[in-house]
């Protein structure tokens, strides 16, 4: 069996803007954290603690160099610059795994996240924004396709939902 290194560019994120999933370009970071919620206890008849994971609160640390005219950057910049809060600051992100072929497309995970802004303007080379996407719902496994060389992605409604 031959093994192959999975490159960072093999898992690509898309954000929904105006009912279209646009490729998240110009991002200098999209690092996932699972942030598990643990239940730890020690039973009186044992010399050790037992820990179970009882929840996951996924988040994505992100940063991008602002590109004018990019729908994803325009949306995030507006949310941050205008200090949008609550349900108006929730976005839908689709992460496509190009190592997992599914029919005529690829496997992906779709999930809603709250936009948690952190900083902007922290670089002298380009105008940057940084923050965190924090989970705002369960994920769905879907199959996605593209008709424009993966500049946008479309959920394949004809594909059976994945488990």
N, C-alpha and C. Protein backbone atom coordinates (compact mmCIF):
# COMPACT_ATOMS: atom_id res chain seq x y z
N UNK A 1 0.84 -1.18 0.00
CA UNK A 1 0.00 0.00 0.00
C UNK A 1 0.89 1.25 0.00
N UNK A 2 0.61 2.15 -0.91
CA UNK A 2 1.36 3.38 -1.00
C UNK A 2 0.64 4.46 -0.19
N UNK A 3 1.40 5.19 0.58
CA UNK A 3 0.82 6.30 1.34
C UNK A 3 1.10 7.60 0.61
N UNK A 4 0.24 8.57 0.83
CA UNK A 4 0.38 9.87 0.18
C UNK A 4 0.13 10.96 1.22
N UNK A 5 1.00 11.93 1.23
CA UNK A 5 0.86 13.07 2.13
C UNK A 5 -0.35 13.91 1.72
N UNK A 6 -1.20 14.25 2.67
CA UNK A 6 -2.33 15.14 2.41
C UNK A 6 -1.82 16.57 2.59
N UNK A 7 -1.93 17.36 1.55
CA UNK A 7 -1.48 18.74 1.61
C UNK A 7 -2.59 19.64 2.13
N UNK A 8 -2.22 20.78 2.69
CA UNK A 8 -3.21 21.71 3.24
C UNK A 8 -4.22 22.13 2.17
N UNK A 9 -3.76 22.29 0.95
CA UNK A 9 -4.64 22.72 -0.14
C UNK A 9 -5.59 21.63 -0.60
N UNK A 10 -5.50 20.41 -0.03
CA UNK A 10 -6.44 19.33 -0.35
C UNK A 10 -7.77 19.48 0.38
N UNK A 11 -7.82 20.38 1.37
CA UNK A 11 -9.07 20.63 2.10
C UNK A 11 -9.34 22.12 2.01
N UNK A 12 -10.35 22.46 1.21
CA UNK A 12 -10.59 23.85 0.84
C UNK A 12 -11.95 24.31 1.39
N UNK A 13 -11.96 25.51 1.95
CA UNK A 13 -13.18 26.06 2.55
C UNK A 13 -13.89 27.01 1.58
N UNK A 14 -15.22 27.00 1.66
CA UNK A 14 -16.09 27.87 0.89
C UNK A 14 -17.08 28.50 1.85
N UNK A 15 -17.40 29.78 1.66
CA UNK A 15 -18.39 30.45 2.50
C UNK A 15 -19.59 30.84 1.65
N UNK A 16 -20.77 30.67 2.24
CA UNK A 16 -22.01 31.01 1.54
C UNK A 16 -22.23 32.52 1.60
N UNK A 17 -22.32 33.12 0.41
CA UNK A 17 -22.64 34.54 0.27
C UNK A 17 -23.71 34.63 -0.81
N UNK A 18 -24.88 35.18 -0.47
CA UNK A 18 -25.98 35.31 -1.43
C UNK A 18 -26.31 33.98 -2.09
N UNK A 19 -26.48 32.94 -1.31
CA UNK A 19 -26.89 31.61 -1.77
C UNK A 19 -25.86 30.88 -2.63
N UNK A 20 -24.62 31.36 -2.67
CA UNK A 20 -23.56 30.68 -3.41
C UNK A 20 -22.37 30.45 -2.49
N UNK A 21 -21.82 29.25 -2.53
CA UNK A 21 -20.61 28.96 -1.76
C UNK A 21 -19.39 29.41 -2.57
N UNK A 22 -18.71 30.46 -2.09
CA UNK A 22 -17.53 31.01 -2.75
C UNK A 22 -16.26 30.51 -2.05
N UNK A 23 -15.24 30.19 -2.84
CA UNK A 23 -13.96 29.73 -2.31
C UNK A 23 -13.36 30.81 -1.42
N UNK A 24 -12.85 30.41 -0.28
CA UNK A 24 -12.25 31.33 0.68
C UNK A 24 -10.79 31.53 0.30
N UNK A 25 -10.53 32.53 -0.55
CA UNK A 25 -9.20 32.82 -1.06
C UNK A 25 -8.52 33.89 -0.21
N UNK A 26 -7.19 33.93 -0.26
CA UNK A 26 -6.43 34.97 0.43
C UNK A 26 -6.33 34.77 1.93
N UNK A 27 -6.72 33.60 2.44
CA UNK A 27 -6.64 33.33 3.87
C UNK A 27 -5.24 32.85 4.22
N UNK A 28 -4.65 33.47 5.22
CA UNK A 28 -3.31 33.09 5.69
C UNK A 28 -3.38 32.04 6.79
N UNK A 29 -4.58 31.79 7.27
CA UNK A 29 -4.78 30.76 8.28
C UNK A 29 -6.23 30.33 8.34
N UNK A 30 -6.46 29.04 8.48
CA UNK A 30 -7.78 28.44 8.72
C UNK A 30 -7.51 27.19 9.56
N UNK A 31 -7.22 27.39 10.83
CA UNK A 31 -6.81 26.30 11.70
C UNK A 31 -7.99 25.83 12.56
N UNK A 32 -8.30 24.53 12.46
CA UNK A 32 -9.43 23.95 13.19
C UNK A 32 -9.04 23.54 14.61
N UNK A 33 -9.93 23.78 15.55
CA UNK A 33 -9.80 23.30 16.92
C UNK A 33 -11.11 22.62 17.30
N UNK A 34 -11.03 21.50 17.97
CA UNK A 34 -12.25 20.78 18.36
C UNK A 34 -12.79 21.24 19.71
N UNK A 35 -11.94 21.76 20.59
CA UNK A 35 -12.37 22.28 21.89
C UNK A 35 -13.31 21.32 22.62
N UNK A 36 -12.82 20.13 22.95
CA UNK A 36 -13.71 19.14 23.59
C UNK A 36 -14.14 19.56 24.98
N UNK A 37 -15.36 19.20 25.32
CA UNK A 37 -15.87 19.37 26.68
C UNK A 37 -15.68 18.02 27.36
N UNK A 38 -14.98 18.03 28.48
CA UNK A 38 -14.64 16.78 29.15
C UNK A 38 -15.41 16.61 30.45
N UNK A 39 -15.70 15.38 30.75
CA UNK A 39 -16.28 15.00 32.04
C UNK A 39 -15.25 14.09 32.70
N UNK A 40 -14.63 14.63 33.76
CA UNK A 40 -13.59 13.89 34.47
C UNK A 40 -14.05 13.63 35.89
N UNK A 41 -13.80 12.40 36.35
CA UNK A 41 -14.15 12.03 37.72
C UNK A 41 -13.21 10.92 38.18
N UNK A 42 -13.16 10.78 39.48
CA UNK A 42 -12.39 9.68 40.06
C UNK A 42 -13.33 8.89 40.97
N UNK A 43 -13.39 7.59 40.69
CA UNK A 43 -14.22 6.72 41.51
C UNK A 43 -13.44 6.30 42.75
N UNK A 44 -14.16 6.11 43.85
CA UNK A 44 -13.50 5.83 45.14
C UNK A 44 -12.73 4.52 45.14
N UNK A 45 -13.09 3.60 44.26
CA UNK A 45 -12.41 2.30 44.26
C UNK A 45 -11.27 2.23 43.24
N UNK A 46 -10.89 3.41 42.65
CA UNK A 46 -9.82 3.42 41.65
C UNK A 46 -8.78 4.48 41.99
N UNK A 47 -7.54 4.25 41.59
CA UNK A 47 -6.44 5.15 41.90
C UNK A 47 -6.21 6.18 40.79
N UNK A 48 -7.08 6.23 39.82
CA UNK A 48 -6.87 7.11 38.66
C UNK A 48 -8.18 7.81 38.32
N UNK A 49 -8.07 8.87 37.53
CA UNK A 49 -9.25 9.57 37.03
C UNK A 49 -9.67 8.97 35.69
N UNK A 50 -10.95 9.08 35.41
CA UNK A 50 -11.51 8.66 34.13
C UNK A 50 -12.07 9.90 33.44
N UNK A 51 -11.78 10.03 32.16
CA UNK A 51 -12.25 11.18 31.40
C UNK A 51 -13.00 10.72 30.16
N UNK A 52 -14.14 11.33 29.92
CA UNK A 52 -14.91 11.12 28.70
C UNK A 52 -15.11 12.46 28.02
N UNK A 53 -15.14 12.44 26.70
CA UNK A 53 -15.50 13.63 25.94
C UNK A 53 -17.01 13.61 25.82
N UNK A 54 -17.67 14.68 26.29
CA UNK A 54 -19.13 14.72 26.29
C UNK A 54 -19.69 15.79 25.35
N UNK A 55 -18.79 16.51 24.70
CA UNK A 55 -19.23 17.51 23.75
C UNK A 55 -18.06 18.06 22.96
N UNK A 56 -18.38 18.65 21.82
CA UNK A 56 -17.38 19.28 20.97
C UNK A 56 -17.88 20.69 20.66
N UNK A 57 -16.99 21.66 20.77
CA UNK A 57 -17.31 23.04 20.42
C UNK A 57 -16.28 23.52 19.41
N UNK A 58 -16.44 23.05 18.18
CA UNK A 58 -15.46 23.31 17.13
C UNK A 58 -15.31 24.80 16.83
N UNK A 59 -14.09 25.18 16.48
CA UNK A 59 -13.83 26.56 16.07
C UNK A 59 -12.73 26.56 15.01
N UNK A 60 -12.68 27.65 14.26
CA UNK A 60 -11.66 27.83 13.23
C UNK A 60 -11.02 29.20 13.44
N UNK A 61 -9.71 29.20 13.72
CA UNK A 61 -8.96 30.45 13.80
C UNK A 61 -8.64 30.86 12.37
N UNK A 62 -8.89 32.12 12.03
CA UNK A 62 -8.68 32.54 10.65
C UNK A 62 -8.02 33.90 10.56
N UNK A 63 -7.43 34.14 9.41
CA UNK A 63 -6.87 35.44 9.07
C UNK A 63 -6.82 35.55 7.56
N UNK A 64 -7.00 36.77 7.04
CA UNK A 64 -6.88 36.94 5.59
C UNK A 64 -6.33 38.31 5.26
N UNK A 65 -5.67 38.37 4.09
CA UNK A 65 -5.24 39.62 3.48
C UNK A 65 -6.42 40.09 2.64
N UNK A 66 -6.97 41.28 2.94
CA UNK A 66 -8.19 41.72 2.28
C UNK A 66 -7.99 41.90 0.78
N UNK A 67 -8.90 41.30 0.01
CA UNK A 67 -8.93 41.42 -1.44
C UNK A 67 -10.24 42.13 -1.81
N UNK A 68 -10.16 43.31 -2.38
CA UNK A 68 -11.36 44.05 -2.79
C UNK A 68 -12.11 43.29 -3.87
N UNK A 69 -13.42 43.26 -3.77
CA UNK A 69 -14.25 42.59 -4.76
C UNK A 69 -14.42 41.10 -4.52
N UNK A 70 -13.78 40.57 -3.49
CA UNK A 70 -13.96 39.16 -3.15
C UNK A 70 -15.20 39.05 -2.26
N UNK A 71 -16.21 38.26 -2.66
CA UNK A 71 -17.46 38.23 -1.89
C UNK A 71 -17.29 37.78 -0.45
N UNK A 72 -16.39 36.85 -0.18
CA UNK A 72 -16.17 36.38 1.19
C UNK A 72 -15.53 37.49 2.02
N UNK A 73 -14.49 38.11 1.49
CA UNK A 73 -13.82 39.20 2.22
C UNK A 73 -14.76 40.36 2.45
N UNK A 74 -15.54 40.71 1.41
CA UNK A 74 -16.49 41.82 1.54
C UNK A 74 -17.48 41.55 2.67
N UNK A 75 -17.99 40.31 2.75
CA UNK A 75 -18.98 39.97 3.78
C UNK A 75 -18.35 40.02 5.17
N UNK A 76 -17.18 39.39 5.33
CA UNK A 76 -16.53 39.38 6.64
C UNK A 76 -16.12 40.79 7.08
N UNK A 77 -15.57 41.58 6.16
CA UNK A 77 -15.17 42.95 6.49
C UNK A 77 -16.39 43.77 6.94
N UNK A 78 -17.51 43.60 6.26
CA UNK A 78 -18.72 44.33 6.66
C UNK A 78 -19.18 43.91 8.05
N UNK A 79 -19.20 42.59 8.31
CA UNK A 79 -19.61 42.10 9.64
C UNK A 79 -18.73 42.69 10.74
N UNK A 80 -17.44 42.76 10.47
CA UNK A 80 -16.49 43.25 11.48
C UNK A 80 -16.52 44.77 11.57
N UNK A 81 -16.41 45.46 10.44
CA UNK A 81 -16.36 46.92 10.45
C UNK A 81 -17.63 47.54 11.02
N UNK A 82 -18.78 46.92 10.71
CA UNK A 82 -20.07 47.44 11.19
C UNK A 82 -20.47 46.86 12.54
N UNK A 83 -19.59 46.04 13.13
CA UNK A 83 -19.81 45.43 14.45
C UNK A 83 -21.17 44.72 14.52
N UNK A 84 -21.44 43.89 13.53
CA UNK A 84 -22.68 43.13 13.46
C UNK A 84 -22.63 42.02 14.52
N UNK A 85 -23.75 41.81 15.21
CA UNK A 85 -23.79 40.82 16.28
C UNK A 85 -25.00 39.89 16.12
N UNK A 86 -25.07 38.90 17.00
CA UNK A 86 -26.22 38.00 17.03
C UNK A 86 -26.30 37.11 15.80
N UNK A 87 -27.53 36.75 15.45
CA UNK A 87 -27.73 35.82 14.33
C UNK A 87 -27.33 36.44 12.99
N UNK A 88 -27.20 37.76 12.94
CA UNK A 88 -26.74 38.40 11.71
C UNK A 88 -25.25 38.18 11.47
N UNK A 89 -24.55 37.70 12.49
CA UNK A 89 -23.10 37.44 12.38
C UNK A 89 -22.82 35.95 12.27
N UNK A 90 -23.77 35.20 11.71
CA UNK A 90 -23.60 33.76 11.50
C UNK A 90 -23.38 33.51 10.02
N UNK A 91 -22.37 32.69 9.70
CA UNK A 91 -22.06 32.36 8.31
C UNK A 91 -22.10 30.84 8.14
N UNK A 92 -22.26 30.41 6.89
CA UNK A 92 -22.23 28.98 6.57
C UNK A 92 -20.95 28.67 5.82
N UNK A 93 -20.22 27.68 6.32
CA UNK A 93 -18.94 27.29 5.72
C UNK A 93 -19.01 25.82 5.31
N UNK A 94 -18.46 25.57 4.16
CA UNK A 94 -18.41 24.24 3.57
C UNK A 94 -16.93 23.92 3.39
N UNK A 95 -16.47 22.81 3.96
CA UNK A 95 -15.07 22.39 3.80
C UNK A 95 -15.06 21.15 2.91
N UNK A 96 -14.46 21.30 1.74
CA UNK A 96 -14.40 20.24 0.74
C UNK A 96 -13.09 19.48 0.91
N UNK A 97 -13.20 18.15 0.96
CA UNK A 97 -12.03 17.29 1.11
C UNK A 97 -11.71 16.67 -0.25
N UNK A 98 -10.73 17.23 -0.95
CA UNK A 98 -10.39 16.76 -2.28
C UNK A 98 -9.66 15.42 -2.28
N UNK A 99 -9.46 14.82 -1.11
CA UNK A 99 -8.90 13.47 -1.04
C UNK A 99 -9.99 12.42 -0.98
N UNK A 100 -11.27 12.86 -0.90
CA UNK A 100 -12.39 11.92 -0.76
C UNK A 100 -13.39 12.12 -1.89
N UNK A 101 -13.16 11.41 -2.98
CA UNK A 101 -14.04 11.45 -4.14
C UNK A 101 -15.40 10.84 -3.76
N UNK A 102 -16.47 11.45 -4.24
CA UNK A 102 -17.82 10.95 -3.98
C UNK A 102 -18.64 11.12 -5.26
N UNK A 103 -18.77 10.04 -6.01
CA UNK A 103 -19.49 10.12 -7.28
C UNK A 103 -18.79 11.07 -8.24
N UNK A 104 -19.51 12.09 -8.72
CA UNK A 104 -18.92 13.07 -9.63
C UNK A 104 -18.34 14.27 -8.88
N UNK A 105 -18.40 14.24 -7.54
CA UNK A 105 -17.90 15.34 -6.73
C UNK A 105 -16.98 14.88 -5.62
N UNK A 106 -17.04 15.60 -4.51
CA UNK A 106 -16.20 15.30 -3.36
C UNK A 106 -17.01 15.40 -2.07
N UNK A 107 -16.52 14.72 -1.05
CA UNK A 107 -17.14 14.78 0.28
C UNK A 107 -16.83 16.15 0.90
N UNK A 108 -17.81 16.67 1.63
CA UNK A 108 -17.63 17.95 2.31
C UNK A 108 -18.44 17.96 3.60
N UNK A 109 -18.10 18.90 4.47
CA UNK A 109 -18.86 19.14 5.69
C UNK A 109 -19.37 20.57 5.68
N UNK A 110 -20.67 20.71 5.92
CA UNK A 110 -21.32 22.01 5.93
C UNK A 110 -21.72 22.33 7.36
N UNK A 111 -21.44 23.56 7.80
CA UNK A 111 -21.76 23.93 9.18
C UNK A 111 -21.91 25.45 9.30
N UNK A 112 -22.75 25.88 10.24
CA UNK A 112 -22.90 27.31 10.55
C UNK A 112 -21.93 27.67 11.67
N UNK A 113 -21.37 28.89 11.55
CA UNK A 113 -20.44 29.41 12.55
C UNK A 113 -20.78 30.87 12.86
N UNK A 114 -20.58 31.27 14.11
CA UNK A 114 -20.64 32.67 14.49
C UNK A 114 -19.29 33.30 14.21
N UNK A 115 -19.31 34.52 13.66
CA UNK A 115 -18.07 35.24 13.37
C UNK A 115 -17.66 36.00 14.62
N UNK A 116 -16.50 35.64 15.18
CA UNK A 116 -15.96 36.31 16.35
C UNK A 116 -14.75 37.12 15.90
N UNK A 117 -14.89 38.44 15.74
CA UNK A 117 -13.76 39.24 15.26
C UNK A 117 -12.69 39.37 16.33
N UNK A 118 -11.45 39.52 15.88
CA UNK A 118 -10.35 39.74 16.80
C UNK A 118 -9.64 41.04 16.44
N UNK A 119 -8.85 41.04 15.38
CA UNK A 119 -8.10 42.24 15.01
C UNK A 119 -8.23 42.51 13.53
N UNK A 120 -7.96 43.77 13.16
CA UNK A 120 -7.80 44.11 11.75
C UNK A 120 -6.73 45.19 11.65
N UNK A 121 -6.08 45.23 10.49
CA UNK A 121 -5.05 46.24 10.25
C UNK A 121 -3.72 45.96 10.92
N UNK A 122 -3.44 44.71 11.26
CA UNK A 122 -2.23 44.39 12.01
C UNK A 122 -0.98 44.18 11.20
N UNK A 123 -1.03 44.39 9.90
CA UNK A 123 0.14 44.16 9.05
C UNK A 123 0.48 45.44 8.30
N UNK A 124 1.76 45.66 8.06
CA UNK A 124 2.19 46.81 7.28
C UNK A 124 2.21 46.49 5.78
N UNK A 125 2.09 45.21 5.42
CA UNK A 125 2.18 44.81 4.02
C UNK A 125 0.83 44.79 3.32
N UNK A 126 -0.21 44.36 4.01
CA UNK A 126 -1.55 44.28 3.45
C UNK A 126 -2.53 44.53 4.60
N UNK A 127 -3.75 44.96 4.25
CA UNK A 127 -4.74 45.12 5.30
C UNK A 127 -5.27 43.74 5.65
N UNK A 128 -5.19 43.39 6.92
CA UNK A 128 -5.55 42.05 7.36
C UNK A 128 -6.71 42.09 8.35
N UNK A 129 -7.43 40.98 8.38
CA UNK A 129 -8.46 40.74 9.39
C UNK A 129 -8.16 39.38 10.01
N UNK A 130 -8.44 39.26 11.32
CA UNK A 130 -8.25 37.98 12.01
C UNK A 130 -9.41 37.77 12.98
N UNK A 131 -9.72 36.51 13.22
CA UNK A 131 -10.79 36.19 14.16
C UNK A 131 -10.98 34.70 14.29
N UNK A 132 -12.15 34.35 14.79
CA UNK A 132 -12.49 32.95 15.02
C UNK A 132 -13.91 32.71 14.53
N UNK A 133 -14.10 31.59 13.86
CA UNK A 133 -15.44 31.10 13.57
C UNK A 133 -15.75 30.09 14.67
N UNK A 134 -16.83 30.30 15.43
CA UNK A 134 -17.21 29.36 16.49
C UNK A 134 -18.50 28.66 16.11
N UNK A 135 -18.54 27.38 16.40
CA UNK A 135 -19.64 26.52 16.00
C UNK A 135 -21.00 27.11 16.40
N UNK A 136 -21.96 26.98 15.48
CA UNK A 136 -23.32 27.46 15.72
C UNK A 136 -24.31 26.44 15.14
N UNK A 137 -24.04 25.17 15.37
CA UNK A 137 -24.92 24.11 14.88
C UNK A 137 -24.11 22.89 14.50
N UNK A 138 -24.82 21.79 14.30
CA UNK A 138 -24.18 20.54 13.94
C UNK A 138 -23.76 20.57 12.48
N UNK A 139 -22.79 19.73 12.12
CA UNK A 139 -22.36 19.67 10.72
C UNK A 139 -23.17 18.62 9.96
N UNK A 140 -23.21 18.81 8.64
CA UNK A 140 -23.81 17.84 7.74
C UNK A 140 -22.75 17.39 6.75
N UNK A 141 -22.66 16.08 6.53
CA UNK A 141 -21.80 15.56 5.48
C UNK A 141 -22.58 15.61 4.18
N UNK A 142 -21.98 16.23 3.17
CA UNK A 142 -22.65 16.38 1.88
C UNK A 142 -21.66 16.05 0.76
N UNK A 143 -22.19 15.92 -0.44
CA UNK A 143 -21.36 15.77 -1.63
C UNK A 143 -21.49 17.07 -2.41
N UNK A 144 -20.35 17.58 -2.90
CA UNK A 144 -20.37 18.85 -3.63
C UNK A 144 -19.72 18.70 -4.99
N UNK A 145 -20.14 19.57 -5.90
CA UNK A 145 -19.59 19.63 -7.25
C UNK A 145 -19.29 21.09 -7.58
N UNK A 146 -18.65 21.31 -8.72
CA UNK A 146 -18.36 22.67 -9.17
C UNK A 146 -18.39 22.70 -10.69
N UNK A 147 -18.82 23.82 -11.22
CA UNK A 147 -18.84 24.02 -12.67
C UNK A 147 -17.85 25.10 -13.11
N UNK A 148 -17.04 25.62 -12.17
CA UNK A 148 -16.13 26.71 -12.50
C UNK A 148 -14.74 26.52 -11.89
N UNK A 149 -14.23 25.30 -12.01
CA UNK A 149 -12.87 24.99 -11.51
C UNK A 149 -12.72 25.27 -10.01
N UNK A 150 -13.79 25.05 -9.24
CA UNK A 150 -13.80 25.16 -7.79
C UNK A 150 -13.61 26.59 -7.27
N UNK A 151 -14.09 27.56 -8.05
CA UNK A 151 -14.18 28.92 -7.52
C UNK A 151 -15.45 29.05 -6.69
N UNK A 152 -16.47 28.25 -7.05
CA UNK A 152 -17.68 28.12 -6.24
C UNK A 152 -17.98 26.63 -6.13
N UNK A 153 -18.78 26.28 -5.15
CA UNK A 153 -19.17 24.88 -4.94
C UNK A 153 -20.68 24.81 -4.80
N UNK A 154 -21.23 23.67 -5.23
CA UNK A 154 -22.66 23.44 -5.15
C UNK A 154 -22.90 22.11 -4.47
N UNK A 155 -23.81 22.10 -3.50
CA UNK A 155 -24.17 20.85 -2.83
C UNK A 155 -25.00 20.03 -3.81
N UNK A 156 -24.61 18.78 -3.99
CA UNK A 156 -25.29 17.88 -4.92
C UNK A 156 -26.53 17.32 -4.23
N UNK A 157 -27.66 17.93 -4.54
CA UNK A 157 -28.93 17.51 -3.90
C UNK A 157 -29.34 16.11 -4.31
N UNK A 158 -28.84 15.61 -5.46
CA UNK A 158 -29.22 14.29 -5.93
C UNK A 158 -28.42 13.19 -5.21
N UNK A 159 -27.31 13.56 -4.58
CA UNK A 159 -26.50 12.56 -3.86
C UNK A 159 -27.17 12.23 -2.53
N UNK A 160 -27.08 10.97 -2.16
CA UNK A 160 -27.64 10.54 -0.88
C UNK A 160 -26.86 11.20 0.26
N UNK A 161 -27.54 11.66 1.31
CA UNK A 161 -26.82 12.23 2.46
C UNK A 161 -25.83 11.22 3.01
N UNK A 162 -24.65 11.70 3.38
CA UNK A 162 -23.61 10.82 3.91
C UNK A 162 -23.76 10.67 5.41
N UNK A 163 -23.30 9.55 5.91
CA UNK A 163 -23.37 9.28 7.36
C UNK A 163 -22.12 9.69 8.06
